[in-house]
Amino acid sequence: MSRNYKFHNKSGLYCVSFATVYWLDVFTRQIYFDVLVESINYCRAKKGMELYAYCFMPSHLHLVFRSSNDEPDGLLRDFKSFTAKRIIEAIETNPQESRKDYLLWFFQRAVKNKSNGSKYQFWQHHNQPIELWTDKVIKQKIDYIHDNPVQSGLVTDPTHWKYSSARNFQDDHTILEIDGAGFLG
């Protein structure tokens, strides 16, 4: 994580966004979205994640969350590490992945000049956590997150994007459960 972006209030509510290396559109197949969903569910059940909003885009994702264990940086680090390993493994073993060599080449290229000993880098390192202080700012961030697929031209209505809590705010919890969809009233 960049030194410029820190979780200063460990019990605070945060909006984070992070992307794949080179902004690669990895999330174009159900199997990769499934890894994100399973990981969020695990973090909610076992790691103290309180999830208030989310949007999974083809190359990045947004979360509004809190760590009930006051460890937001560790929670996010573990989430990113686990999902990176699982998604790369899914890419390597997916016989239907026509972009396998292309994607793996970019993941390898991302660590080429680094000395951390990793074979691949999946996520960009920074998370850009923004602490959310007021109801007005929370609503602005959630509206921004939910409008992301519309602004990208993927859908015409935020509730039409399958991997967005915009659906939860309309009482559709078929993809992920969130904490307090109506907390803004």
N, C-alpha and C. Protein backbone atom coordinates (compact mmCIF):
# COMPACT_ATOMS: atom_id res chain seq x y z
N MET A 1 0.84 -1.17 0.00
CA MET A 1 0.00 0.00 0.00
C MET A 1 0.89 1.23 0.00
N SER A 2 0.50 2.20 -0.77
CA SER A 2 1.25 3.43 -0.87
C SER A 2 1.31 4.14 0.49
N ARG A 3 2.39 4.83 0.71
CA ARG A 3 2.53 5.58 1.97
C ARG A 3 1.52 6.72 2.06
N ASN A 4 1.05 7.18 0.91
CA ASN A 4 0.09 8.29 0.90
C ASN A 4 -1.29 7.87 1.36
N TYR A 5 -1.58 6.60 1.33
CA TYR A 5 -2.91 6.10 1.66
C TYR A 5 -2.83 5.16 2.84
N LYS A 6 -3.42 5.57 3.95
CA LYS A 6 -3.37 4.78 5.18
C LYS A 6 -4.76 4.73 5.81
N PHE A 7 -4.96 3.68 6.59
CA PHE A 7 -6.15 3.57 7.42
C PHE A 7 -5.80 4.20 8.77
N HIS A 8 -6.08 5.48 8.94
CA HIS A 8 -5.71 6.17 10.17
C HIS A 8 -6.63 5.81 11.33
N ASN A 9 -7.91 5.71 11.08
CA ASN A 9 -8.88 5.34 12.10
C ASN A 9 -9.24 3.87 11.88
N LYS A 10 -8.67 2.98 12.67
CA LYS A 10 -8.80 1.54 12.45
C LYS A 10 -10.24 1.05 12.56
N SER A 11 -11.11 1.79 13.24
CA SER A 11 -12.51 1.36 13.36
C SER A 11 -13.43 2.15 12.43
N GLY A 12 -12.85 2.95 11.56
CA GLY A 12 -13.64 3.81 10.68
C GLY A 12 -14.29 3.07 9.52
N LEU A 13 -15.23 3.75 8.91
CA LEU A 13 -15.87 3.27 7.69
C LEU A 13 -15.06 3.82 6.52
N TYR A 14 -14.70 2.94 5.59
CA TYR A 14 -13.83 3.33 4.48
C TYR A 14 -14.41 2.96 3.13
N CYS A 15 -14.08 3.76 2.16
CA CYS A 15 -14.30 3.44 0.76
C CYS A 15 -12.92 3.14 0.18
N VAL A 16 -12.78 1.97 -0.43
CA VAL A 16 -11.52 1.62 -1.08
C VAL A 16 -11.81 1.20 -2.51
N SER A 17 -10.84 1.47 -3.35
CA SER A 17 -10.89 1.05 -4.75
C SER A 17 -9.53 0.49 -5.08
N PHE A 18 -9.52 -0.62 -5.78
CA PHE A 18 -8.24 -1.14 -6.25
C PHE A 18 -8.45 -1.89 -7.55
N ALA A 19 -7.38 -1.93 -8.34
CA ALA A 19 -7.47 -2.42 -9.71
C ALA A 19 -6.44 -3.51 -9.96
N THR A 20 -6.70 -4.27 -11.01
CA THR A 20 -5.73 -5.24 -11.47
C THR A 20 -4.53 -4.50 -12.06
N VAL A 21 -3.40 -5.17 -12.13
CA VAL A 21 -2.24 -4.53 -12.76
C VAL A 21 -2.60 -4.18 -14.20
N TYR A 22 -2.11 -3.04 -14.64
CA TYR A 22 -2.35 -2.54 -16.00
C TYR A 22 -3.84 -2.38 -16.30
N TRP A 23 -4.68 -2.36 -15.28
CA TRP A 23 -6.13 -2.23 -15.45
C TRP A 23 -6.66 -3.29 -16.42
N LEU A 24 -6.13 -4.49 -16.32
CA LEU A 24 -6.57 -5.59 -17.19
C LEU A 24 -8.01 -5.98 -16.88
N ASP A 25 -8.79 -6.19 -17.89
CA ASP A 25 -10.18 -6.63 -17.73
C ASP A 25 -10.20 -8.14 -17.46
N VAL A 26 -9.95 -8.51 -16.23
CA VAL A 26 -9.92 -9.91 -15.84
C VAL A 26 -11.32 -10.43 -15.57
N PHE A 27 -12.15 -9.61 -14.95
CA PHE A 27 -13.46 -10.06 -14.49
C PHE A 27 -14.48 -10.01 -15.63
N THR A 28 -14.31 -10.97 -16.52
CA THR A 28 -15.20 -11.11 -17.67
C THR A 28 -15.84 -12.49 -17.69
N ARG A 29 -15.45 -13.34 -16.75
CA ARG A 29 -15.99 -14.70 -16.67
C ARG A 29 -16.55 -14.95 -15.26
N GLN A 30 -17.59 -15.72 -15.23
CA GLN A 30 -18.26 -16.02 -13.96
C GLN A 30 -17.31 -16.59 -12.92
N ILE A 31 -16.41 -17.46 -13.32
CA ILE A 31 -15.51 -18.13 -12.37
C ILE A 31 -14.67 -17.13 -11.58
N TYR A 32 -14.28 -16.03 -12.20
CA TYR A 32 -13.44 -15.03 -11.52
C TYR A 32 -14.29 -14.18 -10.57
N PHE A 33 -15.50 -13.85 -10.98
CA PHE A 33 -16.42 -13.15 -10.08
C PHE A 33 -16.72 -14.02 -8.87
N ASP A 34 -16.87 -15.33 -9.10
CA ASP A 34 -17.17 -16.25 -7.99
C ASP A 34 -16.09 -16.21 -6.91
N VAL A 35 -14.83 -16.06 -7.32
CA VAL A 35 -13.74 -15.98 -6.34
C VAL A 35 -13.92 -14.74 -5.46
N LEU A 36 -14.29 -13.62 -6.06
CA LEU A 36 -14.51 -12.40 -5.28
C LEU A 36 -15.67 -12.57 -4.32
N VAL A 37 -16.76 -13.13 -4.79
CA VAL A 37 -17.95 -13.33 -3.95
C VAL A 37 -17.62 -14.26 -2.78
N GLU A 38 -16.99 -15.39 -3.06
CA GLU A 38 -16.62 -16.33 -2.00
C GLU A 38 -15.69 -15.69 -0.98
N SER A 39 -14.76 -14.89 -1.46
CA SER A 39 -13.80 -14.24 -0.57
C SER A 39 -14.46 -13.19 0.31
N ILE A 40 -15.37 -12.42 -0.27
CA ILE A 40 -16.12 -11.44 0.54
C ILE A 40 -16.95 -12.16 1.59
N ASN A 41 -17.63 -13.23 1.19
CA ASN A 41 -18.44 -14.00 2.15
C ASN A 41 -17.58 -14.54 3.28
N TYR A 42 -16.39 -15.03 2.96
CA TYR A 42 -15.49 -15.53 3.99
C TYR A 42 -15.04 -14.40 4.92
N CYS A 43 -14.66 -13.28 4.35
CA CYS A 43 -14.21 -12.14 5.16
C CYS A 43 -15.34 -11.64 6.07
N ARG A 44 -16.55 -11.67 5.60
CA ARG A 44 -17.68 -11.24 6.43
C ARG A 44 -17.91 -12.24 7.56
N ALA A 45 -17.78 -13.54 7.27
CA ALA A 45 -18.07 -14.57 8.27
C ALA A 45 -16.93 -14.79 9.26
N LYS A 46 -15.68 -14.66 8.79
CA LYS A 46 -14.54 -15.09 9.62
C LYS A 46 -13.53 -14.00 9.96
N LYS A 47 -13.55 -12.88 9.25
CA LYS A 47 -12.50 -11.88 9.44
C LYS A 47 -13.01 -10.52 9.91
N GLY A 48 -14.28 -10.44 10.23
CA GLY A 48 -14.80 -9.20 10.78
C GLY A 48 -15.10 -8.10 9.78
N MET A 49 -15.30 -8.45 8.51
CA MET A 49 -15.63 -7.43 7.52
C MET A 49 -17.12 -7.08 7.63
N GLU A 50 -17.39 -5.81 7.74
CA GLU A 50 -18.74 -5.28 7.61
C GLU A 50 -18.79 -4.60 6.25
N LEU A 51 -19.58 -5.13 5.34
CA LEU A 51 -19.65 -4.62 3.98
C LEU A 51 -20.94 -3.83 3.80
N TYR A 52 -20.80 -2.57 3.37
CA TYR A 52 -21.94 -1.68 3.22
C TYR A 52 -22.27 -1.37 1.76
N ALA A 53 -21.30 -1.49 0.88
CA ALA A 53 -21.53 -1.27 -0.54
C ALA A 53 -20.36 -1.88 -1.31
N TYR A 54 -20.63 -2.28 -2.55
CA TYR A 54 -19.57 -2.84 -3.38
C TYR A 54 -19.95 -2.70 -4.84
N CYS A 55 -18.96 -2.79 -5.70
CA CYS A 55 -19.17 -2.91 -7.12
C CYS A 55 -17.92 -3.57 -7.70
N PHE A 56 -18.12 -4.70 -8.38
CA PHE A 56 -17.03 -5.40 -9.05
C PHE A 56 -17.09 -5.06 -10.53
N MET A 57 -16.07 -4.40 -11.02
CA MET A 57 -15.99 -4.01 -12.42
C MET A 57 -15.02 -4.96 -13.14
N PRO A 58 -14.94 -4.91 -14.46
CA PRO A 58 -14.04 -5.82 -15.18
C PRO A 58 -12.56 -5.72 -14.78
N SER A 59 -12.11 -4.52 -14.40
CA SER A 59 -10.69 -4.35 -14.08
C SER A 59 -10.43 -3.88 -12.65
N HIS A 60 -11.47 -3.62 -11.89
CA HIS A 60 -11.27 -3.08 -10.55
C HIS A 60 -12.51 -3.31 -9.70
N LEU A 61 -12.37 -3.00 -8.41
CA LEU A 61 -13.54 -3.09 -7.55
C LEU A 61 -13.52 -1.99 -6.52
N HIS A 62 -14.72 -1.74 -6.00
CA HIS A 62 -14.94 -0.72 -4.98
C HIS A 62 -15.63 -1.38 -3.80
N LEU A 63 -15.23 -1.00 -2.60
CA LEU A 63 -15.87 -1.50 -1.39
C LEU A 63 -16.08 -0.35 -0.42
N VAL A 64 -17.20 -0.36 0.28
CA VAL A 64 -17.40 0.49 1.45
C VAL A 64 -17.52 -0.50 2.59
N PHE A 65 -16.55 -0.45 3.50
CA PHE A 65 -16.49 -1.47 4.54
C PHE A 65 -15.91 -0.93 5.83
N ARG A 66 -16.06 -1.72 6.85
CA ARG A 66 -15.47 -1.45 8.16
C ARG A 66 -14.92 -2.78 8.67
N SER A 67 -13.85 -2.73 9.43
CA SER A 67 -13.31 -3.92 10.08
C SER A 67 -13.75 -3.92 11.53
N SER A 68 -14.58 -4.89 11.91
CA SER A 68 -15.03 -4.96 13.31
C SER A 68 -13.88 -5.36 14.24
N ASN A 69 -12.79 -5.84 13.66
CA ASN A 69 -11.60 -6.20 14.44
C ASN A 69 -10.58 -5.07 14.50
N ASP A 70 -10.93 -3.92 13.96
CA ASP A 70 -10.03 -2.76 13.89
C ASP A 70 -8.72 -3.09 13.16
N GLU A 71 -8.82 -3.90 12.10
CA GLU A 71 -7.65 -4.26 11.29
C GLU A 71 -7.97 -4.13 9.80
N PRO A 72 -8.38 -2.95 9.35
CA PRO A 72 -8.77 -2.82 7.94
C PRO A 72 -7.63 -3.10 6.97
N ASP A 73 -6.41 -2.69 7.33
CA ASP A 73 -5.28 -2.93 6.43
C ASP A 73 -4.98 -4.42 6.30
N GLY A 74 -4.99 -5.16 7.40
CA GLY A 74 -4.76 -6.60 7.35
C GLY A 74 -5.87 -7.34 6.62
N LEU A 75 -7.09 -6.91 6.85
CA LEU A 75 -8.24 -7.51 6.18
C LEU A 75 -8.12 -7.36 4.67
N LEU A 76 -7.82 -6.15 4.22
CA LEU A 76 -7.70 -5.89 2.79
C LEU A 76 -6.48 -6.61 2.20
N ARG A 77 -5.36 -6.61 2.93
CA ARG A 77 -4.16 -7.31 2.48
C ARG A 77 -4.46 -8.80 2.26
N ASP A 78 -5.10 -9.42 3.24
CA ASP A 78 -5.42 -10.85 3.14
C ASP A 78 -6.40 -11.11 2.00
N PHE A 79 -7.40 -10.25 1.86
CA PHE A 79 -8.38 -10.40 0.77
C PHE A 79 -7.68 -10.34 -0.58
N LYS A 80 -6.82 -9.34 -0.76
CA LYS A 80 -6.14 -9.18 -2.05
C LYS A 80 -5.18 -10.34 -2.32
N SER A 81 -4.46 -10.77 -1.31
CA SER A 81 -3.51 -11.87 -1.48
C SER A 81 -4.23 -13.16 -1.86
N PHE A 82 -5.28 -13.48 -1.11
CA PHE A 82 -6.03 -14.71 -1.37
C PHE A 82 -6.68 -14.68 -2.75
N THR A 83 -7.36 -13.57 -3.08
CA THR A 83 -8.06 -13.52 -4.37
C THR A 83 -7.06 -13.55 -5.52
N ALA A 84 -5.91 -12.92 -5.37
CA ALA A 84 -4.90 -12.95 -6.43
C ALA A 84 -4.47 -14.39 -6.72
N LYS A 85 -4.16 -15.13 -5.67
CA LYS A 85 -3.73 -16.52 -5.85
C LYS A 85 -4.82 -17.36 -6.49
N ARG A 86 -6.03 -17.22 -5.99
CA ARG A 86 -7.14 -18.04 -6.49
C ARG A 86 -7.51 -17.69 -7.93
N ILE A 87 -7.49 -16.41 -8.27
CA ILE A 87 -7.86 -16.03 -9.63
C ILE A 87 -6.79 -16.43 -10.62
N ILE A 88 -5.52 -16.25 -10.26
CA ILE A 88 -4.44 -16.69 -11.16
C ILE A 88 -4.52 -18.21 -11.35
N GLU A 89 -4.76 -18.94 -10.29
CA GLU A 89 -4.93 -20.39 -10.39
C GLU A 89 -6.11 -20.74 -11.30
N ALA A 90 -7.20 -20.01 -11.17
CA ALA A 90 -8.37 -20.26 -12.03
C ALA A 90 -8.06 -19.95 -13.49
N ILE A 91 -7.29 -18.90 -13.73
CA ILE A 91 -6.90 -18.57 -15.11
C ILE A 91 -6.01 -19.68 -15.68
N GLU A 92 -5.05 -20.13 -14.89
CA GLU A 92 -4.12 -21.17 -15.35
C GLU A 92 -4.82 -22.49 -15.67
N THR A 93 -5.86 -22.81 -14.93
CA THR A 93 -6.50 -24.12 -15.10
C THR A 93 -7.81 -24.07 -15.88
N ASN A 94 -8.22 -22.91 -16.33
CA ASN A 94 -9.48 -22.78 -17.05
C ASN A 94 -9.26 -23.08 -18.53
N PRO A 95 -9.75 -24.23 -19.02
CA PRO A 95 -9.55 -24.58 -20.43
C PRO A 95 -10.28 -23.64 -21.40
N GLN A 96 -11.24 -22.88 -20.90
CA GLN A 96 -11.98 -21.95 -21.75
C GLN A 96 -11.37 -20.55 -21.78
N GLU A 97 -10.28 -20.35 -21.04
CA GLU A 97 -9.67 -19.01 -20.98
C GLU A 97 -8.78 -18.79 -22.19
N SER A 98 -9.30 -18.10 -23.18
CA SER A 98 -8.55 -17.83 -24.41
C SER A 98 -7.45 -16.80 -24.20
N ARG A 99 -7.52 -16.06 -23.11
CA ARG A 99 -6.53 -15.00 -22.86
C ARG A 99 -5.48 -15.43 -21.86
N LYS A 100 -5.39 -16.70 -21.56
CA LYS A 100 -4.51 -17.22 -20.52
C LYS A 100 -3.07 -16.71 -20.67
N ASP A 101 -2.45 -16.94 -21.80
CA ASP A 101 -1.05 -16.52 -22.00
C ASP A 101 -0.90 -15.01 -21.90
N TYR A 102 -1.82 -14.30 -22.47
CA TYR A 102 -1.82 -12.84 -22.45
C TYR A 102 -1.87 -12.32 -21.01
N LEU A 103 -2.84 -12.81 -20.22
CA LEU A 103 -3.00 -12.35 -18.84
C LEU A 103 -1.79 -12.72 -17.99
N LEU A 104 -1.34 -13.96 -18.08
CA LEU A 104 -0.20 -14.40 -17.27
C LEU A 104 1.07 -13.63 -17.62
N TRP A 105 1.23 -13.29 -18.90
CA TRP A 105 2.39 -12.51 -19.32
C TRP A 105 2.39 -11.15 -18.62
N PHE A 106 1.23 -10.50 -18.57
CA PHE A 106 1.14 -9.20 -17.90
C PHE A 106 1.35 -9.33 -16.40
N PHE A 107 0.82 -10.38 -15.77
CA PHE A 107 1.02 -10.58 -14.34
C PHE A 107 2.50 -10.82 -14.03
N GLN A 108 3.19 -11.53 -14.92
CA GLN A 108 4.64 -11.75 -14.76
C GLN A 108 5.41 -10.45 -14.97
N ARG A 109 5.03 -9.72 -15.99
CA ARG A 109 5.69 -8.46 -16.32
C ARG A 109 5.61 -7.47 -15.15
N ALA A 110 4.51 -7.50 -14.42
CA ALA A 110 4.30 -6.57 -13.31
C ALA A 110 5.30 -6.79 -12.18
N VAL A 111 5.88 -7.98 -12.06
CA VAL A 111 6.87 -8.23 -11.00
C VAL A 111 8.30 -8.32 -11.54
N LYS A 112 8.48 -8.11 -12.81
CA LYS A 112 9.79 -8.29 -13.45
C LYS A 112 10.92 -7.53 -12.75
N ASN A 113 10.69 -6.31 -12.37
CA ASN A 113 11.74 -5.49 -11.76
C ASN A 113 11.59 -5.36 -10.25
N LYS A 114 10.85 -6.26 -9.65
CA LYS A 114 10.66 -6.23 -8.20
C LYS A 114 11.42 -7.39 -7.58
N SER A 115 11.83 -7.22 -6.34
CA SER A 115 12.65 -8.24 -5.69
C SER A 115 11.89 -9.00 -4.60
N ASN A 116 10.56 -9.08 -4.73
CA ASN A 116 9.80 -9.73 -3.67
C ASN A 116 9.68 -11.24 -3.84
N GLY A 117 10.22 -11.78 -4.92
CA GLY A 117 10.25 -13.22 -5.12
C GLY A 117 8.97 -13.81 -5.69
N SER A 118 7.97 -12.99 -5.95
CA SER A 118 6.72 -13.49 -6.50
C SER A 118 6.86 -13.75 -7.99
N LYS A 119 6.09 -14.71 -8.47
CA LYS A 119 6.07 -15.01 -9.90
C LYS A 119 5.12 -14.07 -10.63
N TYR A 120 4.01 -13.72 -9.95
CA TYR A 120 2.98 -12.88 -10.56
C TYR A 120 2.55 -11.78 -9.60
N GLN A 121 2.09 -10.69 -10.19
CA GLN A 121 1.39 -9.66 -9.42
C GLN A 121 0.04 -9.48 -10.08
N PHE A 122 -1.02 -9.60 -9.30
CA PHE A 122 -2.37 -9.50 -9.84
C PHE A 122 -2.97 -8.11 -9.60
N TRP A 123 -2.97 -7.68 -8.33
CA TRP A 123 -3.55 -6.39 -7.97
C TRP A 123 -2.48 -5.31 -7.95
N GLN A 124 -2.85 -4.09 -8.28
CA GLN A 124 -1.99 -2.94 -8.02
C GLN A 124 -1.87 -2.82 -6.50
N HIS A 125 -0.78 -2.26 -6.03
CA HIS A 125 -0.51 -2.25 -4.59
C HIS A 125 -1.35 -1.25 -3.80
N HIS A 126 -1.71 -0.13 -4.36
CA HIS A 126 -2.42 0.88 -3.58
C HIS A 126 -3.92 0.57 -3.51
N ASN A 127 -4.53 1.03 -2.43
CA ASN A 127 -5.95 0.80 -2.19
C ASN A 127 -6.75 2.10 -2.09
N GLN A 128 -6.08 3.18 -1.87
CA GLN A 128 -6.68 4.50 -1.74
C GLN A 128 -7.85 4.54 -0.75
N PRO A 129 -7.63 4.15 0.51
CA PRO A 129 -8.74 4.22 1.47
C PRO A 129 -9.13 5.66 1.78
N ILE A 130 -10.43 5.90 1.74
CA ILE A 130 -10.98 7.20 2.06
C ILE A 130 -11.93 6.98 3.23
N GLU A 131 -11.62 7.60 4.36
CA GLU A 131 -12.51 7.46 5.50
C GLU A 131 -13.78 8.27 5.25
N LEU A 132 -14.91 7.66 5.56
CA LEU A 132 -16.21 8.28 5.35
C LEU A 132 -16.73 8.78 6.68
N TRP A 133 -16.93 10.10 6.78
CA TRP A 133 -17.24 10.74 8.06
C TRP A 133 -18.71 11.07 8.24
N THR A 134 -19.36 11.51 7.18
CA THR A 134 -20.73 12.01 7.32
C THR A 134 -21.67 11.22 6.41
N ASP A 135 -22.96 11.28 6.71
CA ASP A 135 -23.96 10.62 5.86
C ASP A 135 -23.90 11.15 4.43
N LYS A 136 -23.64 12.44 4.29
CA LYS A 136 -23.58 13.05 2.95
C LYS A 136 -22.42 12.44 2.14
N VAL A 137 -21.25 12.31 2.75
CA VAL A 137 -20.09 11.74 2.06
C VAL A 137 -20.31 10.26 1.78
N ILE A 138 -20.88 9.55 2.74
CA ILE A 138 -21.18 8.12 2.54
C ILE A 138 -22.09 7.96 1.33
N LYS A 139 -23.15 8.74 1.27
CA LYS A 139 -24.09 8.67 0.15
C LYS A 139 -23.41 9.01 -1.17
N GLN A 140 -22.55 10.04 -1.18
CA GLN A 140 -21.82 10.40 -2.40
C GLN A 140 -20.96 9.25 -2.90
N LYS A 141 -20.23 8.61 -2.00
CA LYS A 141 -19.35 7.50 -2.39
C LYS A 141 -20.15 6.31 -2.89
N ILE A 142 -21.24 5.99 -2.19
CA ILE A 142 -22.06 4.85 -2.60
C ILE A 142 -22.70 5.13 -3.96
N ASP A 143 -23.19 6.35 -4.16
CA ASP A 143 -23.76 6.71 -5.47
C ASP A 143 -22.70 6.61 -6.56
N TYR A 144 -21.49 7.07 -6.27
CA TYR A 144 -20.39 6.97 -7.24
C TYR A 144 -20.11 5.51 -7.59
N ILE A 145 -20.02 4.67 -6.55
CA ILE A 145 -19.75 3.24 -6.76
C ILE A 145 -20.85 2.61 -7.62
N HIS A 146 -22.10 2.87 -7.26
CA HIS A 146 -23.22 2.27 -7.98
C HIS A 146 -23.34 2.79 -9.41
N ASP A 147 -22.90 4.01 -9.64
CA ASP A 147 -22.99 4.59 -10.99
C ASP A 147 -21.82 4.18 -11.88
N ASN A 148 -20.81 3.53 -11.32
CA ASN A 148 -19.62 3.16 -12.09
C ASN A 148 -19.94 2.34 -13.35
N PRO A 149 -20.76 1.29 -13.27
CA PRO A 149 -21.07 0.53 -14.49
C PRO A 149 -21.86 1.33 -15.53
N VAL A 150 -22.65 2.30 -15.07
CA VAL A 150 -23.40 3.15 -15.99
C VAL A 150 -22.42 4.07 -16.71
N GLN A 151 -21.53 4.71 -15.96
CA GLN A 151 -20.55 5.62 -16.56
C GLN A 151 -19.60 4.89 -17.51
N SER A 152 -19.38 3.60 -17.26
CA SER A 152 -18.52 2.79 -18.13
C SER A 152 -19.25 2.27 -19.36
N GLY A 153 -20.55 2.52 -19.44
CA GLY A 153 -21.33 2.09 -20.59
C GLY A 153 -21.72 0.62 -20.56
N LEU A 154 -21.62 -0.02 -19.41
CA LEU A 154 -21.95 -1.45 -19.32
C LEU A 154 -23.44 -1.70 -19.12
N VAL A 155 -24.13 -0.77 -18.48
CA VAL A 155 -25.57 -0.86 -18.25
C VAL A 155 -26.14 0.55 -18.30
N THR A 156 -27.46 0.65 -18.34
CA THR A 156 -28.10 1.97 -18.34
C THR A 156 -28.70 2.31 -16.99
N ASP A 157 -28.75 1.33 -16.10
CA ASP A 157 -29.31 1.53 -14.76
C ASP A 157 -28.41 0.80 -13.77
N PRO A 158 -28.02 1.43 -12.66
CA PRO A 158 -27.11 0.79 -11.71
C PRO A 158 -27.60 -0.58 -11.20
N THR A 159 -28.90 -0.76 -11.08
CA THR A 159 -29.42 -2.03 -10.56
C THR A 159 -29.32 -3.16 -11.59
N HIS A 160 -28.97 -2.84 -12.82
CA HIS A 160 -28.83 -3.87 -13.84
C HIS A 160 -27.45 -4.53 -13.81
N TRP A 161 -26.50 -3.94 -13.09
CA TRP A 161 -25.16 -4.55 -12.99
C TRP A 161 -25.21 -5.62 -11.91
N LYS A 162 -24.94 -6.85 -12.31
CA LYS A 162 -25.09 -8.01 -11.42
C LYS A 162 -24.23 -7.92 -10.17
N TYR A 163 -23.03 -7.37 -10.29
CA TYR A 163 -22.09 -7.37 -9.17
C TYR A 163 -21.98 -5.99 -8.53
N SER A 164 -23.12 -5.50 -8.06
CA SER A 164 -23.18 -4.20 -7.41
C SER A 164 -24.20 -4.24 -6.29
N SER A 165 -23.87 -3.56 -5.21
CA SER A 165 -24.82 -3.47 -4.10
C SER A 165 -26.00 -2.56 -4.43
N ALA A 166 -26.00 -1.92 -5.60
CA ALA A 166 -27.18 -1.16 -6.02
C ALA A 166 -28.40 -2.08 -5.98
N ARG A 167 -28.18 -3.35 -6.29
CA ARG A 167 -29.26 -4.34 -6.24
C ARG A 167 -29.69 -4.59 -4.80
N ASN A 168 -28.73 -4.63 -3.88
CA ASN A 168 -29.08 -4.83 -2.46
C ASN A 168 -29.95 -3.69 -1.95
N PHE A 169 -29.66 -2.49 -2.41
CA PHE A 169 -30.43 -1.32 -1.98
C PHE A 169 -31.86 -1.37 -2.52
N GLN A 170 -32.12 -2.31 -3.45
CA GLN A 170 -33.46 -2.56 -3.98
C GLN A 170 -33.98 -3.92 -3.47
N ASP A 171 -33.44 -4.39 -2.34
CA ASP A 171 -33.83 -5.64 -1.69
C ASP A 171 -33.56 -6.89 -2.53
N ASP A 172 -32.51 -6.86 -3.35
CA ASP A 172 -32.08 -8.04 -4.10
C ASP A 172 -30.72 -8.46 -3.55
N HIS A 173 -30.72 -9.51 -2.76
CA HIS A 173 -29.50 -9.98 -2.10
C HIS A 173 -29.02 -11.30 -2.70
N THR A 174 -29.25 -11.49 -4.00
CA THR A 174 -28.93 -12.77 -4.63
C THR A 174 -27.43 -13.00 -4.83
N ILE A 175 -26.64 -11.97 -4.93
CA ILE A 175 -25.20 -12.14 -5.15
C ILE A 175 -24.44 -12.11 -3.84
N LEU A 176 -24.57 -11.04 -3.09
CA LEU A 176 -23.88 -10.88 -1.81
C LEU A 176 -24.83 -10.24 -0.80
N GLU A 177 -24.69 -10.64 0.43
CA GLU A 177 -25.36 -9.94 1.53
C GLU A 177 -24.49 -8.75 1.91
N ILE A 178 -25.13 -7.68 2.29
CA ILE A 178 -24.37 -6.54 2.81
C ILE A 178 -24.95 -6.18 4.17
N ASP A 179 -24.22 -5.38 4.89
CA ASP A 179 -24.64 -4.94 6.22
C ASP A 179 -25.36 -3.61 6.09
N GLY A 180 -26.65 -3.60 6.41
CA GLY A 180 -27.40 -2.35 6.50
C GLY A 180 -27.60 -1.63 5.20
N ALA A 181 -28.22 -2.28 4.20
CA ALA A 181 -28.46 -1.61 2.91
C ALA A 181 -29.29 -0.35 3.07
N GLY A 182 -30.13 -0.29 4.08
CA GLY A 182 -30.98 0.88 4.26
C GLY A 182 -30.45 1.84 5.31
N PHE A 183 -29.16 1.74 5.67
CA PHE A 183 -28.66 2.56 6.78
C PHE A 183 -28.65 4.05 6.48
N LEU A 184 -28.79 4.42 5.21
CA LEU A 184 -28.85 5.85 4.89
C LEU A 184 -30.27 6.37 4.83
N GLY A 185 -31.23 5.48 4.91
CA GLY A 185 -32.63 5.91 4.93
C GLY A 185 -33.21 6.21 3.63
